């Protein structure tokens, strides 16, 4: 190996720095878009889970409401005075 210093043109370094800054800006923009999409998906997930819970609650209420009415209909009528 030679001990000669590596010479890099300052203009080349500055141009590369600016290019990389542009790449970084694009990456950050893409990241914000992905984060926004993720937030939207999470909100849809939460809304869907809430809807499922609401339906399950309605089904539970319906099932618990059916049980007493079935028992009432199976009972013999009470004697009238």
N, C-alpha and C. Protein backbone atom coordinates (compact mmCIF):
# COMPACT_ATOMS: atom_id res chain seq x y z
N UNK A 1 0.83 -1.18 0.00
CA UNK A 1 0.00 0.00 0.00
C UNK A 1 0.87 1.24 0.00
N UNK A 2 0.33 2.25 -0.64
CA UNK A 2 1.11 3.48 -0.66
C UNK A 2 0.66 4.39 0.48
N UNK A 3 1.54 5.24 0.91
CA UNK A 3 1.26 6.16 2.00
C UNK A 3 0.78 7.51 1.48
N UNK A 4 0.40 7.56 0.23
CA UNK A 4 -0.05 8.82 -0.34
C UNK A 4 -1.47 9.12 0.16
N UNK A 5 -1.70 10.37 0.51
CA UNK A 5 -3.05 10.73 0.98
C UNK A 5 -4.06 10.65 -0.16
N UNK A 6 -5.29 10.30 0.21
CA UNK A 6 -6.36 10.22 -0.77
C UNK A 6 -6.91 11.62 -1.00
N UNK A 7 -6.89 12.04 -2.24
CA UNK A 7 -7.38 13.38 -2.56
C UNK A 7 -8.78 13.28 -3.12
N UNK A 8 -9.70 13.96 -2.44
CA UNK A 8 -11.09 14.00 -2.91
C UNK A 8 -11.44 15.46 -3.11
N UNK A 9 -12.01 15.72 -4.23
CA UNK A 9 -12.39 17.08 -4.58
C UNK A 9 -13.47 17.59 -3.62
N UNK A 10 -13.31 18.79 -3.11
CA UNK A 10 -14.25 19.39 -2.17
C UNK A 10 -15.62 19.55 -2.83
N UNK A 11 -15.64 19.92 -4.10
CA UNK A 11 -16.91 20.05 -4.81
C UNK A 11 -17.65 18.72 -4.87
N UNK A 12 -16.92 17.64 -5.06
CA UNK A 12 -17.52 16.30 -5.11
C UNK A 12 -18.12 15.95 -3.76
N UNK A 13 -17.39 16.25 -2.68
CA UNK A 13 -17.89 15.98 -1.34
C UNK A 13 -19.16 16.78 -1.04
N UNK A 14 -19.14 18.06 -1.42
CA UNK A 14 -20.31 18.91 -1.18
C UNK A 14 -21.51 18.42 -1.99
N UNK A 15 -21.26 18.03 -3.22
CA UNK A 15 -22.34 17.53 -4.07
C UNK A 15 -22.92 16.24 -3.49
N UNK A 16 -22.06 15.37 -3.01
CA UNK A 16 -22.54 14.11 -2.40
C UNK A 16 -23.33 14.40 -1.13
N UNK A 17 -22.86 15.34 -0.34
CA UNK A 17 -23.58 15.72 0.88
C UNK A 17 -24.98 16.22 0.53
N UNK A 18 -25.09 17.07 -0.46
CA UNK A 18 -26.39 17.60 -0.87
C UNK A 18 -27.30 16.50 -1.42
N UNK A 19 -26.71 15.58 -2.17
CA UNK A 19 -27.48 14.46 -2.70
C UNK A 19 -28.04 13.62 -1.56
N UNK A 20 -27.19 13.36 -0.57
CA UNK A 20 -27.62 12.55 0.57
C UNK A 20 -28.68 13.28 1.40
N UNK A 21 -28.57 14.59 1.51
CA UNK A 21 -29.60 15.36 2.21
C UNK A 21 -30.94 15.21 1.51
N UNK A 22 -30.90 15.23 0.18
CA UNK A 22 -32.12 15.03 -0.60
C UNK A 22 -32.72 13.65 -0.39
N UNK A 23 -31.85 12.65 -0.37
CA UNK A 23 -32.29 11.28 -0.12
C UNK A 23 -32.91 11.20 1.27
N UNK A 24 -32.28 11.81 2.25
CA UNK A 24 -32.80 11.80 3.63
C UNK A 24 -34.17 12.47 3.70
N UNK A 25 -34.34 13.60 3.02
CA UNK A 25 -35.64 14.28 3.01
C UNK A 25 -36.72 13.36 2.43
N UNK A 26 -36.38 12.64 1.36
CA UNK A 26 -37.34 11.73 0.74
C UNK A 26 -37.68 10.58 1.68
N UNK A 27 -36.68 10.05 2.36
CA UNK A 27 -36.91 8.96 3.32
C UNK A 27 -37.82 9.45 4.45
N UNK A 28 -37.57 10.65 4.94
CA UNK A 28 -38.39 11.20 6.02
C UNK A 28 -39.83 11.43 5.55
N UNK A 29 -39.99 11.89 4.31
CA UNK A 29 -41.33 12.08 3.75
C UNK A 29 -42.05 10.74 3.64
N UNK A 30 -41.36 9.75 3.13
CA UNK A 30 -41.95 8.41 3.01
C UNK A 30 -42.31 7.85 4.38
N UNK A 31 -41.45 8.09 5.36
CA UNK A 31 -41.71 7.61 6.72
C UNK A 31 -42.98 8.25 7.28
N UNK A 32 -43.16 9.55 7.07
CA UNK A 32 -44.37 10.23 7.54
C UNK A 32 -45.62 9.66 6.88
N UNK A 33 -45.52 9.36 5.59
CA UNK A 33 -46.66 8.77 4.87
C UNK A 33 -47.00 7.40 5.44
N UNK A 34 -45.98 6.60 5.70
CA UNK A 34 -46.20 5.26 6.26
C UNK A 34 -46.80 5.36 7.66
N UNK A 35 -46.30 6.28 8.46
CA UNK A 35 -46.84 6.46 9.81
C UNK A 35 -48.29 6.92 9.77
N UNK A 36 -48.64 7.78 8.82
CA UNK A 36 -50.02 8.23 8.68
C UNK A 36 -50.92 7.06 8.26
N UNK A 37 -50.44 6.25 7.34
CA UNK A 37 -51.21 5.08 6.90
C UNK A 37 -51.38 4.09 8.05
N UNK A 38 -50.33 3.90 8.83
CA UNK A 38 -50.40 3.00 9.98
C UNK A 38 -51.43 3.51 11.00
N UNK A 39 -51.43 4.81 11.23
CA UNK A 39 -52.39 5.39 12.16
C UNK A 39 -53.82 5.14 11.67
N UNK A 40 -54.04 5.32 10.37
CA UNK A 40 -55.36 5.07 9.79
C UNK A 40 -55.76 3.61 9.97
N UNK A 41 -54.84 2.71 9.72
CA UNK A 41 -55.13 1.28 9.89
C UNK A 41 -55.42 0.94 11.35
N UNK A 42 -54.67 1.53 12.26
CA UNK A 42 -54.92 1.28 13.69
C UNK A 42 -56.30 1.79 14.09
N UNK A 43 -56.69 2.95 13.57
CA UNK A 43 -58.02 3.49 13.89
C UNK A 43 -59.11 2.58 13.34
N UNK A 44 -58.92 2.06 12.14
CA UNK A 44 -59.89 1.11 11.57
C UNK A 44 -59.94 -0.16 12.41
N UNK A 45 -58.79 -0.63 12.87
CA UNK A 45 -58.75 -1.82 13.70
C UNK A 45 -59.53 -1.59 15.00
N UNK A 46 -59.29 -0.46 15.64
CA UNK A 46 -59.98 -0.14 16.89
C UNK A 46 -61.48 -0.04 16.66
N UNK A 47 -61.89 0.63 15.59
CA UNK A 47 -63.31 0.77 15.28
C UNK A 47 -63.95 -0.59 15.02
N UNK A 48 -63.24 -1.46 14.32
CA UNK A 48 -63.76 -2.79 14.03
C UNK A 48 -63.90 -3.60 15.31
N UNK A 49 -62.90 -3.52 16.18
CA UNK A 49 -62.96 -4.24 17.46
C UNK A 49 -64.12 -3.73 18.31
N UNK A 50 -64.34 -2.42 18.31
CA UNK A 50 -65.46 -1.85 19.07
C UNK A 50 -66.79 -2.34 18.51
N UNK A 51 -66.89 -2.41 17.19
CA UNK A 51 -68.12 -2.90 16.57
C UNK A 51 -68.37 -4.36 16.94
N UNK A 52 -67.32 -5.15 16.94
CA UNK A 52 -67.44 -6.57 17.33
C UNK A 52 -67.90 -6.66 18.78
N UNK A 53 -67.29 -5.88 19.66
CA UNK A 53 -67.69 -5.90 21.07
C UNK A 53 -69.14 -5.48 21.25
N UNK A 54 -69.57 -4.48 20.49
CA UNK A 54 -70.95 -4.01 20.59
C UNK A 54 -71.92 -5.11 20.15
N UNK A 55 -71.59 -5.79 19.07
CA UNK A 55 -72.44 -6.88 18.59
C UNK A 55 -72.47 -8.02 19.60
N UNK A 56 -71.28 -8.34 20.16
CA UNK A 56 -71.24 -9.40 21.18
C UNK A 56 -72.08 -9.02 22.39
N UNK A 57 -72.04 -7.76 22.78
CA UNK A 57 -72.86 -7.30 23.90
C UNK A 57 -74.34 -7.44 23.57
N UNK A 58 -74.74 -7.04 22.37
CA UNK A 58 -76.13 -7.19 21.96
C UNK A 58 -76.55 -8.66 21.94
N UNK A 59 -75.67 -9.52 21.46
CA UNK A 59 -75.97 -10.95 21.45
C UNK A 59 -76.12 -11.49 22.87
N UNK A 60 -75.23 -11.04 23.77
CA UNK A 60 -75.32 -11.47 25.17
C UNK A 60 -76.63 -11.00 25.79
N UNK A 61 -77.01 -9.76 25.52
CA UNK A 61 -78.26 -9.23 26.06
C UNK A 61 -79.44 -10.03 25.50
N UNK A 62 -79.38 -10.31 24.21
CA UNK A 62 -80.45 -11.07 23.57
C UNK A 62 -80.55 -12.48 24.18
N UNK A 63 -79.40 -13.12 24.36
CA UNK A 63 -79.40 -14.47 24.93
C UNK A 63 -79.90 -14.46 26.37
N UNK A 64 -79.46 -13.49 27.14
CA UNK A 64 -79.91 -13.44 28.54
C UNK A 64 -81.38 -13.03 28.59
N UNK A 65 -81.86 -12.27 27.63
CA UNK A 65 -83.26 -11.89 27.56
C UNK A 65 -84.14 -13.05 27.12
N UNK A 66 -83.62 -13.93 26.27
CA UNK A 66 -84.39 -15.08 25.79
C UNK A 66 -84.57 -16.12 26.88
N UNK A 67 -83.57 -16.30 27.68
CA UNK A 67 -83.63 -17.36 28.70
C UNK A 67 -84.79 -17.15 29.66
N UNK A 68 -84.98 -15.98 30.25
CA UNK A 68 -86.12 -15.80 31.16
C UNK A 68 -87.45 -15.92 30.45
N UNK A 69 -87.57 -15.42 29.23
CA UNK A 69 -88.85 -15.50 28.54
C UNK A 69 -89.19 -16.94 28.20
N UNK A 70 -88.19 -17.75 27.88
CA UNK A 70 -88.43 -19.17 27.61
C UNK A 70 -88.91 -19.86 28.88
N UNK A 71 -88.28 -19.51 30.00
CA UNK A 71 -88.68 -20.11 31.26
C UNK A 71 -90.11 -19.71 31.61
N UNK A 72 -90.46 -18.45 31.35
CA UNK A 72 -91.81 -17.97 31.64
C UNK A 72 -92.82 -18.72 30.79
N UNK A 73 -92.52 -18.95 29.54
CA UNK A 73 -93.48 -19.61 28.65
C UNK A 73 -93.62 -21.09 28.98
N UNK A 74 -92.61 -21.69 29.59
CA UNK A 74 -92.67 -23.11 29.92
C UNK A 74 -93.38 -23.33 31.25
N UNK A 75 -93.50 -22.30 32.07
CA UNK A 75 -94.17 -22.44 33.37
C UNK A 75 -95.67 -22.61 33.15
N UNK A 76 -96.25 -23.34 34.05
CA UNK A 76 -97.72 -23.47 34.01
C UNK A 76 -98.33 -22.14 34.43
N UNK A 77 -99.45 -21.82 33.86
CA UNK A 77 -100.08 -20.56 34.24
C UNK A 77 -100.46 -20.60 35.72
N UNK A 78 -100.29 -19.46 36.37
CA UNK A 78 -100.63 -19.41 37.78
C UNK A 78 -102.16 -19.41 37.93
N UNK A 79 -102.62 -20.05 39.00
CA UNK A 79 -104.09 -20.11 39.16
C UNK A 79 -104.66 -18.73 39.41
N UNK A 80 -105.79 -18.49 38.83
CA UNK A 80 -106.44 -17.19 39.04
C UNK A 80 -107.39 -17.29 40.20
N UNK A 81 -107.51 -16.28 41.02
CA UNK A 81 -108.40 -16.36 42.21
C UNK A 81 -109.86 -16.24 41.90
